[in-house]
Amino acid sequence: MLKKQFFLLSLILVCKVLTAQTTSHTDEQKAKLYPHQEIISRYHNNWTQKHYPKRIALFEKEPLEMGDIVFIGNSITEGGLDWSAKFGIKHIRNRGIAGDVTDGVLQRLNEITYFKPKAVFILIGINDLFSLHHKEDNSALKYDKVVPSPEYIAKNILKIAKIIHHKSPFTKVYVRTLLPVRRAYLKEDILVVNTIIKKNEAKGYYKLIDWFAEFADANGELIKELTKDGVHLNEKGYQQWVNFEKPTIQAL
């Protein structure tokens, strides 16, 4: 009887130790899912370098769950706030960071691939182009490093999609073309980026959603009624987003 009790007590102690080790290991793993460096990307401007860590801290506090639908992007995505409420569909998570660039998204993909989302929708690149055209944009913003070319941006978008596909093969990956804007100096480079990501859809690791075609007017600019400043969407623009993309999400 005493031997049996001793055995059971030993078994309980072993289980507790293993559980503690597993929990510790899991916590250690999860700590690695989020970037914590002071400067995450030198391609971020000085405003984004301050905002990015705040969003990362929020993501860490409210982590994804397995099987979520994730929207990855910049201020246009962040500005949508509660995407589940907008679409009337549960488990759509907002992973937009205002000011973010493709390099910044690459630094925060560990959370995405760890939680194995049902689907990921990517919209990123316009801030890269603002970096490239920083002289025409806002001279008050400072960059440690300037994005070199639209081809570089497109290559990073493809890299984002490829990493998610390889590390989470059951996740459906959608790449959205860059939205048009009402800034003449960005128009040609937006077309360059979009042409590259359209062409590479044939490789099969993502599906394309052509937002440019949906939101462009006859001059190839963002439809005036859908924007508040020529770049960001207004409420009517967000409603157009929902109307356009809801069938895709409902079909998941």
C-alpha atoms as a PDB file:
ATOM      1  CA  MET A   1       0.000   0.000   0.000  1.00  0.00           C
ATOM      2  CA  LEU A   2       2.793   2.397   0.946  1.00  0.00           C
ATOM      3  CA  LYS A   3       4.638   1.508  -2.255  1.00  0.00           C
ATOM      4  CA  LYS A   4       1.525   2.314  -4.275  1.00  0.00           C
ATOM      5  CA  GLN A   5       1.083   5.660  -2.521  1.00  0.00           C
ATOM      6  CA  PHE A   6       4.741   6.480  -3.026  1.00  0.00           C
ATOM      7  CA  PHE A   7       4.446   5.607  -6.713  1.00  0.00           C
ATOM      8  CA  LEU A   8       1.380   7.817  -7.145  1.00  0.00           C
ATOM      9  CA  LEU A   9       3.051  10.689  -5.294  1.00  0.00           C
ATOM     10  CA  SER A  10       6.156  10.341  -7.453  1.00  0.00           C
ATOM     11  CA  LEU A  11       4.016  10.295 -10.590  1.00  0.00           C
ATOM     12  CA  ILE A  12       2.207  13.486  -9.528  1.00  0.00           C
ATOM     13  CA  LEU A  13       5.505  15.241  -8.833  1.00  0.00           C
ATOM     14  CA  VAL A  14       6.929  14.180 -12.198  1.00  0.00           C
ATOM     15  CA  CYS A  15       3.792  15.438 -13.969  1.00  0.00           C
ATOM     16  CA  LYS A  16       4.036  18.793 -12.184  1.00  0.00           C
ATOM     17  CA  VAL A  17       7.687  19.162 -13.171  1.00  0.00           C
ATOM     18  CA  LEU A  18       6.933  18.290 -16.788  1.00  0.00           C
ATOM     19  CA  THR A  19       3.981  20.678 -16.822  1.00  0.00           C
ATOM     20  CA  ALA A  20       6.120  23.488 -15.412  1.00  0.00           C
ATOM     21  CA  GLN A  21       8.822  22.796 -18.001  1.00  0.00           C
ATOM     22  CA  THR A  22       6.251  22.745 -20.812  1.00  0.00           C
ATOM     23  CA  THR A  23       4.655  25.991 -19.618  1.00  0.00           C
ATOM     24  CA  SER A  24       8.051  27.625 -19.317  1.00  0.00           C
ATOM     25  CA  HIS A  25       8.992  26.413 -22.764  1.00  0.00           C
ATOM     26  CA  THR A  26       5.709  27.696 -24.205  1.00  0.00           C
ATOM     27  CA  ASP A  27       6.131  31.108 -22.573  1.00  0.00           C
ATOM     28  CA  GLU A  28       9.692  31.245 -23.860  1.00  0.00           C
ATOM     29  CA  GLN A  29       8.475  30.334 -27.336  1.00  0.00           C
ATOM     30  CA  LYS A  30       5.746  32.962 -27.298  1.00  0.00           C
ATOM     31  CA  ALA A  31       8.189  35.645 -26.177  1.00  0.00           C
ATOM     32  CA  LYS A  32      10.056  35.061 -29.440  1.00  0.00           C
ATOM     33  CA  LEU A  33       6.966  35.669 -31.553  1.00  0.00           C
ATOM     34  CA  TYR A  34       7.207  39.451 -31.279  1.00  0.00           C
ATOM     35  CA  PRO A  35      10.118  41.758 -32.133  1.00  0.00           C
ATOM     36  CA  HIS A  36      11.396  43.767 -29.169  1.00  0.00           C
ATOM     37  CA  GLN A  37      14.404  45.658 -30.517  1.00  0.00           C
ATOM     38  CA  GLU A  38      14.459  49.416 -30.035  1.00  0.00           C
ATOM     39  CA  ILE A  39      14.452  49.912 -33.807  1.00  0.00           C
ATOM     40  CA  ILE A  40      12.763  47.100 -35.688  1.00  0.00           C
ATOM     41  CA  SER A  41      13.440  48.361 -39.195  1.00  0.00           C
ATOM     42  CA  ARG A  42      15.709  51.129 -40.377  1.00  0.00           C
ATOM     43  CA  TYR A  43      13.238  51.669 -43.231  1.00  0.00           C
ATOM     44  CA  HIS A  44      10.704  52.980 -40.685  1.00  0.00           C
ATOM     45  CA  ASN A  45      10.546  56.735 -40.386  1.00  0.00           C
ATOM     46  CA  ASN A  46      10.989  58.408 -36.995  1.00  0.00           C
ATOM     47  CA  TRP A  47       7.226  58.491 -36.311  1.00  0.00           C
ATOM     48  CA  THR A  48       6.759  54.801 -37.099  1.00  0.00           C
ATOM     49  CA  GLN A  49       9.729  53.807 -34.947  1.00  0.00           C
ATOM     50  CA  LYS A  50       7.719  55.087 -31.964  1.00  0.00           C
ATOM     51  CA  HIS A  51       4.315  53.744 -33.028  1.00  0.00           C
ATOM     52  CA  TYR A  52       5.404  50.255 -34.116  1.00  0.00           C
ATOM     53  CA  PRO A  53       6.449  49.054 -30.603  1.00  0.00           C
ATOM     54  CA  LYS A  54       3.108  50.220 -29.170  1.00  0.00           C
ATOM     55  CA  ARG A  55       1.214  48.057 -31.643  1.00  0.00           C
ATOM     56  CA  ILE A  56       3.525  45.100 -31.045  1.00  0.00           C
ATOM     57  CA  ALA A  57       2.903  45.403 -27.291  1.00  0.00           C
ATOM     58  CA  LEU A  58      -0.851  45.305 -27.964  1.00  0.00           C
ATOM     59  CA  PHE A  59      -0.475  42.233 -30.200  1.00  0.00           C
ATOM     60  CA  GLU A  60       1.524  40.503 -27.478  1.00  0.00           C
ATOM     61  CA  LYS A  61      -1.143  41.337 -24.909  1.00  0.00           C
ATOM     62  CA  GLU A  62      -3.932  40.132 -27.230  1.00  0.00           C
ATOM     63  CA  PRO A  63      -2.305  37.311 -29.235  1.00  0.00           C
ATOM     64  CA  LEU A  64      -3.859  35.532 -32.155  1.00  0.00           C
ATOM     65  CA  GLU A  65      -5.684  32.241 -31.756  1.00  0.00           C
ATOM     66  CA  MET A  66      -5.290  29.185 -33.925  1.00  0.00           C
ATOM     67  CA  GLY A  67      -7.445  29.388 -37.038  1.00  0.00           C
ATOM     68  CA  ASP A  68      -8.024  33.155 -37.030  1.00  0.00           C
ATOM     69  CA  ILE A  69      -8.366  35.224 -40.196  1.00  0.00           C
ATOM     70  CA  VAL A  70      -5.613  37.849 -40.133  1.00  0.00           C
ATOM     71  CA  PHE A  71      -5.377  41.184 -41.931  1.00  0.00           C
ATOM     72  CA  ILE A  72      -1.736  42.326 -42.166  1.00  0.00           C
ATOM     73  CA  GLY A  73      -0.924  45.846 -43.231  1.00  0.00           C
ATOM     74  CA  ASN A  74      -0.295  49.490 -42.377  1.00  0.00           C
ATOM     75  CA  SER A  75      -2.539  52.406 -41.369  1.00  0.00           C
ATOM     76  CA  ILE A  76      -5.214  51.483 -43.898  1.00  0.00           C
ATOM     77  CA  THR A  77      -5.610  48.127 -42.155  1.00  0.00           C
ATOM     78  CA  GLU A  78      -5.125  49.489 -38.635  1.00  0.00           C
ATOM     79  CA  GLY A  79      -7.742  52.157 -39.384  1.00  0.00           C
ATOM     80  CA  GLY A  80     -10.370  49.466 -39.992  1.00  0.00           C
ATOM     81  CA  LEU A  81     -10.326  48.802 -36.228  1.00  0.00           C
ATOM     82  CA  ASP A  82     -12.703  45.895 -35.468  1.00  0.00           C
ATOM     83  CA  TRP A  83     -12.777  43.954 -38.720  1.00  0.00           C
ATOM     84  CA  SER A  84     -15.033  41.241 -37.323  1.00  0.00           C
ATOM     85  CA  ALA A  85     -17.673  43.856 -36.586  1.00  0.00           C
ATOM     86  CA  LYS A  86     -17.253  45.450 -40.014  1.00  0.00           C
ATOM     87  CA  PHE A  87     -17.716  42.147 -41.843  1.00  0.00           C
ATOM     88  CA  GLY A  88     -20.119  40.537 -39.390  1.00  0.00           C
ATOM     89  CA  ILE A  89     -17.759  37.545 -39.358  1.00  0.00           C
ATOM     90  CA  LYS A  90     -16.009  36.240 -36.243  1.00  0.00           C
ATOM     91  CA  HIS A  91     -12.262  35.840 -35.705  1.00  0.00           C
ATOM     92  CA  ILE A  92     -10.946  38.476 -38.127  1.00  0.00           C
ATOM     93  CA  ARG A  93      -7.889  39.968 -36.426  1.00  0.00           C
ATOM     94  CA  ASN A  94      -6.340  43.359 -37.132  1.00  0.00           C
ATOM     95  CA  ARG A  95      -2.573  43.267 -37.556  1.00  0.00           C
ATOM     96  CA  GLY A  96      -2.201  46.676 -39.160  1.00  0.00           C
ATOM     97  CA  ILE A  97       0.490  49.081 -37.998  1.00  0.00           C
ATOM     98  CA  ALA A  98       0.298  52.677 -39.213  1.00  0.00           C
ATOM     99  CA  GLY A  99       3.469  53.645 -41.048  1.00  0.00           C
ATOM    100  CA  ASP A 100       4.665  50.073 -41.443  1.00  0.00           C
ATOM    101  CA  VAL A 101       6.646  48.943 -44.463  1.00  0.00           C
ATOM    102  CA  THR A 102       7.317  45.535 -46.011  1.00  0.00           C
ATOM    103  CA  ASP A 103      10.492  45.107 -43.970  1.00  0.00           C
ATOM    104  CA  GLY A 104       8.535  45.780 -40.769  1.00  0.00           C
ATOM    105  CA  VAL A 105       6.030  43.060 -41.662  1.00  0.00           C
ATOM    106  CA  LEU A 106       8.863  40.596 -42.313  1.00  0.00           C
ATOM    107  CA  GLN A 107      10.104  41.235 -38.762  1.00  0.00           C
ATOM    108  CA  ARG A 108       6.745  40.267 -37.224  1.00  0.00           C
ATOM    109  CA  LEU A 109       5.750  37.133 -39.113  1.00  0.00           C
ATOM    110  CA  ASN A 110       6.633  34.715 -36.298  1.00  0.00           C
ATOM    111  CA  GLU A 111       3.308  35.374 -34.586  1.00  0.00           C
ATOM    112  CA  ILE A 112       1.452  34.688 -37.828  1.00  0.00           C
ATOM    113  CA  THR A 113       3.179  31.422 -38.655  1.00  0.00           C
ATOM    114  CA  TYR A 114       3.061  30.162 -35.038  1.00  0.00           C
ATOM    115  CA  PHE A 115      -0.718  30.469 -34.733  1.00  0.00           C
ATOM    116  CA  LYS A 116      -1.441  28.937 -38.164  1.00  0.00           C
ATOM    117  CA  PRO A 117      -4.307  31.210 -39.307  1.00  0.00           C
ATOM    118  CA  LYS A 118      -7.095  29.975 -41.522  1.00  0.00           C
ATOM    119  CA  ALA A 119      -6.258  32.805 -43.916  1.00  0.00           C
ATOM    120  CA  VAL A 120      -4.001  35.833 -44.142  1.00  0.00           C
ATOM    121  CA  PHE A 121      -4.784  38.939 -46.213  1.00  0.00           C
ATOM    122  CA  ILE A 122      -1.789  41.150 -46.991  1.00  0.00           C
ATOM    123  CA  LEU A 123      -1.898  44.843 -47.927  1.00  0.00           C
ATOM    124  CA  ILE A 124       1.494  46.510 -47.574  1.00  0.00           C
ATOM    125  CA  GLY A 125       3.879  48.658 -49.603  1.00  0.00           C
ATOM    126  CA  ILE A 126       2.520  52.177 -49.886  1.00  0.00           C
ATOM    127  CA  ASN A 127       4.718  53.477 -47.042  1.00  0.00           C
ATOM    128  CA  ASP A 128       7.708  51.907 -48.766  1.00  0.00           C
ATOM    129  CA  LEU A 129       6.865  54.086 -51.745  1.00  0.00           C
ATOM    130  CA  PHE A 130       6.524  57.143 -49.524  1.00  0.00           C
ATOM    131  CA  SER A 131      10.018  56.334 -48.258  1.00  0.00           C
ATOM    132  CA  LEU A 132      11.306  56.046 -51.819  1.00  0.00           C
ATOM    133  CA  HIS A 133       9.665  59.410 -52.623  1.00  0.00           C
ATOM    134  CA  HIS A 134      10.422  61.033 -49.262  1.00  0.00           C
ATOM    135  CA  LYS A 135      11.500  64.295 -50.909  1.00  0.00           C
ATOM    136  CA  GLU A 136       8.109  64.705 -52.585  1.00  0.00           C
ATOM    137  CA  ASP A 137       6.214  63.474 -49.525  1.00  0.00           C
ATOM    138  CA  ASN A 138       6.797  64.889 -46.030  1.00  0.00           C
ATOM    139  CA  SER A 139      10.204  66.393 -45.384  1.00  0.00           C
ATOM    140  CA  ALA A 140       9.514  66.418 -41.625  1.00  0.00           C
ATOM    141  CA  LEU A 141       9.721  62.615 -41.547  1.00  0.00           C
ATOM    142  CA  LYS A 142      13.232  61.237 -41.117  1.00  0.00           C
ATOM    143  CA  TYR A 143      14.492  57.882 -42.381  1.00  0.00           C
ATOM    144  CA  ASP A 144      17.635  56.012 -41.306  1.00  0.00           C
ATOM    145  CA  LYS A 145      17.486  54.101 -44.571  1.00  0.00           C
ATOM    146  CA  VAL A 146      15.448  54.749 -47.728  1.00  0.00           C
ATOM    147  CA  VAL A 147      13.693  51.988 -49.677  1.00  0.00           C
ATOM    148  CA  PRO A 148      15.678  51.497 -52.904  1.00  0.00           C
ATOM    149  CA  SER A 149      13.088  50.677 -55.587  1.00  0.00           C
ATOM    150  CA  PRO A 150       9.549  49.473 -56.354  1.00  0.00           C
ATOM    151  CA  GLU A 151      11.068  46.137 -57.395  1.00  0.00           C
ATOM    152  CA  TYR A 152      12.519  45.777 -53.899  1.00  0.00           C
ATOM    153  CA  ILE A 153       9.063  46.396 -52.417  1.00  0.00           C
ATOM    154  CA  ALA A 154       7.398  43.811 -54.652  1.00  0.00           C
ATOM    155  CA  LYS A 155      10.119  41.274 -53.819  1.00  0.00           C
ATOM    156  CA  ASN A 156       9.462  41.787 -50.098  1.00  0.00           C
ATOM    157  CA  ILE A 157       5.709  41.308 -50.578  1.00  0.00           C
ATOM    158  CA  LEU A 158       6.416  38.024 -52.359  1.00  0.00           C
ATOM    159  CA  LYS A 159       8.794  37.041 -49.552  1.00  0.00           C
ATOM    160  CA  ILE A 160       6.099  37.714 -46.926  1.00  0.00           C
ATOM    161  CA  ALA A 161       3.621  35.499 -48.777  1.00  0.00           C
ATOM    162  CA  LYS A 162       6.202  32.770 -49.344  1.00  0.00           C
ATOM    163  CA  ILE A 163       7.299  32.628 -45.682  1.00  0.00           C
ATOM    164  CA  ILE A 164       3.705  32.277 -44.494  1.00  0.00           C
ATOM    165  CA  HIS A 165       3.001  29.615 -47.107  1.00  0.00           C
ATOM    166  CA  HIS A 166       6.059  27.521 -46.237  1.00  0.00           C
ATOM    167  CA  LYS A 167       5.789  27.803 -42.452  1.00  0.00           C
ATOM    168  CA  SER A 168       1.997  27.471 -42.310  1.00  0.00           C
ATOM    169  CA  PRO A 169       1.107  25.472 -45.444  1.00  0.00           C
ATOM    170  CA  PHE A 170      -2.594  25.104 -44.608  1.00  0.00           C
ATOM    171  CA  THR A 171      -3.051  28.874 -44.310  1.00  0.00           C
ATOM    172  CA  LYS A 172      -4.653  30.472 -47.356  1.00  0.00           C
ATOM    173  CA  VAL A 173      -2.577  33.480 -48.351  1.00  0.00           C
ATOM    174  CA  TYR A 174      -4.105  36.430 -50.191  1.00  0.00           C
ATOM    175  CA  VAL A 175      -2.041  39.321 -51.544  1.00  0.00           C
ATOM    176  CA  ARG A 176      -3.910  42.522 -52.295  1.00  0.00           C
ATOM    177  CA  THR A 177      -2.606  44.844 -54.976  1.00  0.00           C
ATOM    178  CA  LEU A 178      -1.658  48.298 -53.726  1.00  0.00           C
ATOM    179  CA  LEU A 179      -4.542  50.716 -53.670  1.00  0.00           C
ATOM    180  CA  PRO A 180      -4.370  53.679 -56.023  1.00  0.00           C
ATOM    181  CA  VAL A 181      -3.714  57.068 -54.429  1.00  0.00           C
ATOM    182  CA  ARG A 182      -4.240  60.683 -55.393  1.00  0.00           C
ATOM    183  CA  ARG A 183      -0.499  61.427 -55.496  1.00  0.00           C
ATOM    184  CA  ALA A 184       0.897  61.712 -59.036  1.00  0.00           C
ATOM    185  CA  TYR A 185       4.482  60.914 -58.009  1.00  0.00           C
ATOM    186  CA  LEU A 186       3.451  57.452 -56.715  1.00  0.00           C
ATOM    187  CA  LYS A 187       1.284  56.362 -59.626  1.00  0.00           C
ATOM    188  CA  GLU A 188       3.924  54.761 -61.868  1.00  0.00           C
ATOM    189  CA  ASP A 189       5.639  52.874 -59.039  1.00  0.00           C
ATOM    190  CA  ILE A 190       2.338  51.511 -57.728  1.00  0.00           C
ATOM    191  CA  LEU A 191       1.780  50.015 -61.170  1.00  0.00           C
ATOM    192  CA  VAL A 192       5.274  48.476 -61.125  1.00  0.00           C
ATOM    193  CA  VAL A 193       4.669  46.794 -57.756  1.00  0.00           C
ATOM    194  CA  ASN A 194       1.221  45.573 -58.754  1.00  0.00           C
ATOM    195  CA  THR A 195       2.448  44.167 -62.064  1.00  0.00           C
ATOM    196  CA  ILE A 196       5.087  42.071 -60.287  1.00  0.00           C
ATOM    197  CA  ILE A 197       2.738  40.636 -57.681  1.00  0.00           C
ATOM    198  CA  LYS A 198       0.134  39.901 -60.370  1.00  0.00           C
ATOM    199  CA  LYS A 199       2.705  38.076 -62.473  1.00  0.00           C
ATOM    200  CA  ASN A 200       3.940  35.928 -59.581  1.00  0.00           C
ATOM    201  CA  GLU A 201       0.501  34.700 -58.532  1.00  0.00           C
ATOM    202  CA  ALA A 202       1.074  31.895 -61.041  1.00  0.00           C
ATOM    203  CA  LYS A 203       3.671  30.377 -58.684  1.00  0.00           C
ATOM    204  CA  GLY A 204       0.763  29.200 -56.577  1.00  0.00           C
ATOM    205  CA  TYR A 205       1.611  30.160 -52.997  1.00  0.00           C
ATOM    206  CA  TYR A 206      -0.896  33.035 -52.812  1.00  0.00           C
ATOM    207  CA  LYS A 207      -4.070  34.286 -54.444  1.00  0.00           C
ATOM    208  CA  LEU A 208      -4.319  37.805 -55.774  1.00  0.00           C
ATOM    209  CA  ILE A 209      -7.046  40.288 -54.874  1.00  0.00           C
ATOM    210  CA  ASP A 210      -6.971  43.212 -57.291  1.00  0.00           C
ATOM    211  CA  TRP A 211      -7.818  46.185 -55.154  1.00  0.00           C
ATOM    212  CA  PHE A 212      -6.315  48.668 -57.563  1.00  0.00           C
ATOM    213  CA  ALA A 213      -8.892  47.801 -60.209  1.00  0.00           C
ATOM    214  CA  GLU A 214     -11.706  48.010 -57.658  1.00  0.00           C
ATOM    215  CA  PHE A 215     -10.732  51.400 -56.203  1.00  0.00           C
ATOM    216  CA  ALA A 216      -9.270  53.270 -59.212  1.00  0.00           C
ATOM    217  CA  ASP A 217     -11.153  55.888 -61.185  1.00  0.00           C
ATOM    218  CA  ALA A 218     -10.816  56.440 -64.943  1.00  0.00           C
ATOM    219  CA  ASN A 219      -7.493  58.260 -64.361  1.00  0.00           C
ATOM    220  CA  GLY A 220      -6.005  55.480 -62.259  1.00  0.00           C
ATOM    221  CA  GLU A 221      -6.416  57.463 -59.033  1.00  0.00           C
ATOM    222  CA  LEU A 222      -8.189  56.516 -55.824  1.00  0.00           C
ATOM    223  CA  ILE A 223     -11.881  57.313 -56.257  1.00  0.00           C
ATOM    224  CA  LYS A 224     -12.359  60.690 -54.578  1.00  0.00           C
ATOM    225  CA  GLU A 225     -15.559  59.730 -52.765  1.00  0.00           C
ATOM    226  CA  LEU A 226     -13.806  56.812 -51.032  1.00  0.00           C
ATOM    227  CA  THR A 227     -10.888  58.688 -49.460  1.00  0.00           C
ATOM    228  CA  LYS A 228     -10.419  61.320 -46.788  1.00  0.00           C
ATOM    229  CA  ASP A 229      -6.975  62.526 -47.870  1.00  0.00           C
ATOM    230  CA  GLY A 230      -6.096  60.903 -51.185  1.00  0.00           C
ATOM    231  CA  VAL A 231      -4.413  57.907 -49.519  1.00  0.00           C
ATOM    232  CA  HIS A 232      -6.514  56.641 -46.605  1.00  0.00           C
ATOM    233  CA  LEU A 233     -10.064  55.374 -46.894  1.00  0.00           C
ATOM    234  CA  ASN A 234     -13.087  57.081 -45.383  1.00  0.00           C
ATOM    235  CA  GLU A 235     -16.096  55.187 -44.041  1.00  0.00           C
ATOM    236  CA  LYS A 236     -17.537  54.859 -47.539  1.00  0.00           C
ATOM    237  CA  GLY A 237     -14.225  53.444 -48.685  1.00  0.00           C
ATOM    238  CA  TYR A 238     -14.191  50.878 -45.892  1.00  0.00           C
ATOM    239  CA  GLN A 239     -17.719  49.864 -46.800  1.00  0.00           C
ATOM    240  CA  GLN A 240     -16.535  49.344 -50.382  1.00  0.00           C
ATOM    241  CA  TRP A 241     -13.739  47.154 -48.962  1.00  0.00           C
ATOM    242  CA  VAL A 242     -16.277  45.001 -47.078  1.00  0.00           C
ATOM    243  CA  ASN A 243     -18.615  44.696 -50.057  1.00  0.00           C
ATOM    244  CA  PHE A 244     -15.749  43.702 -52.331  1.00  0.00           C
ATOM    245  CA  GLU A 245     -14.029  41.181 -50.076  1.00  0.00           C
ATOM    246  CA  LYS A 246     -16.865  39.660 -48.050  1.00  0.00           C
ATOM    247  CA  PRO A 247     -17.671  36.888 -50.562  1.00  0.00           C
ATOM    248  CA  THR A 248     -14.047  35.724 -50.412  1.00  0.00           C
ATOM    249  CA  ILE A 249     -14.042  35.583 -46.619  1.00  0.00           C
ATOM    250  CA  GLN A 250     -17.447  33.894 -46.436  1.00  0.00           C
ATOM    251  CA  ALA A 251     -16.141  31.172 -48.753  1.00  0.00           C
ATOM    252  CA  LEU A 252     -13.225  30.242 -46.452  1.00  0.00           C
END
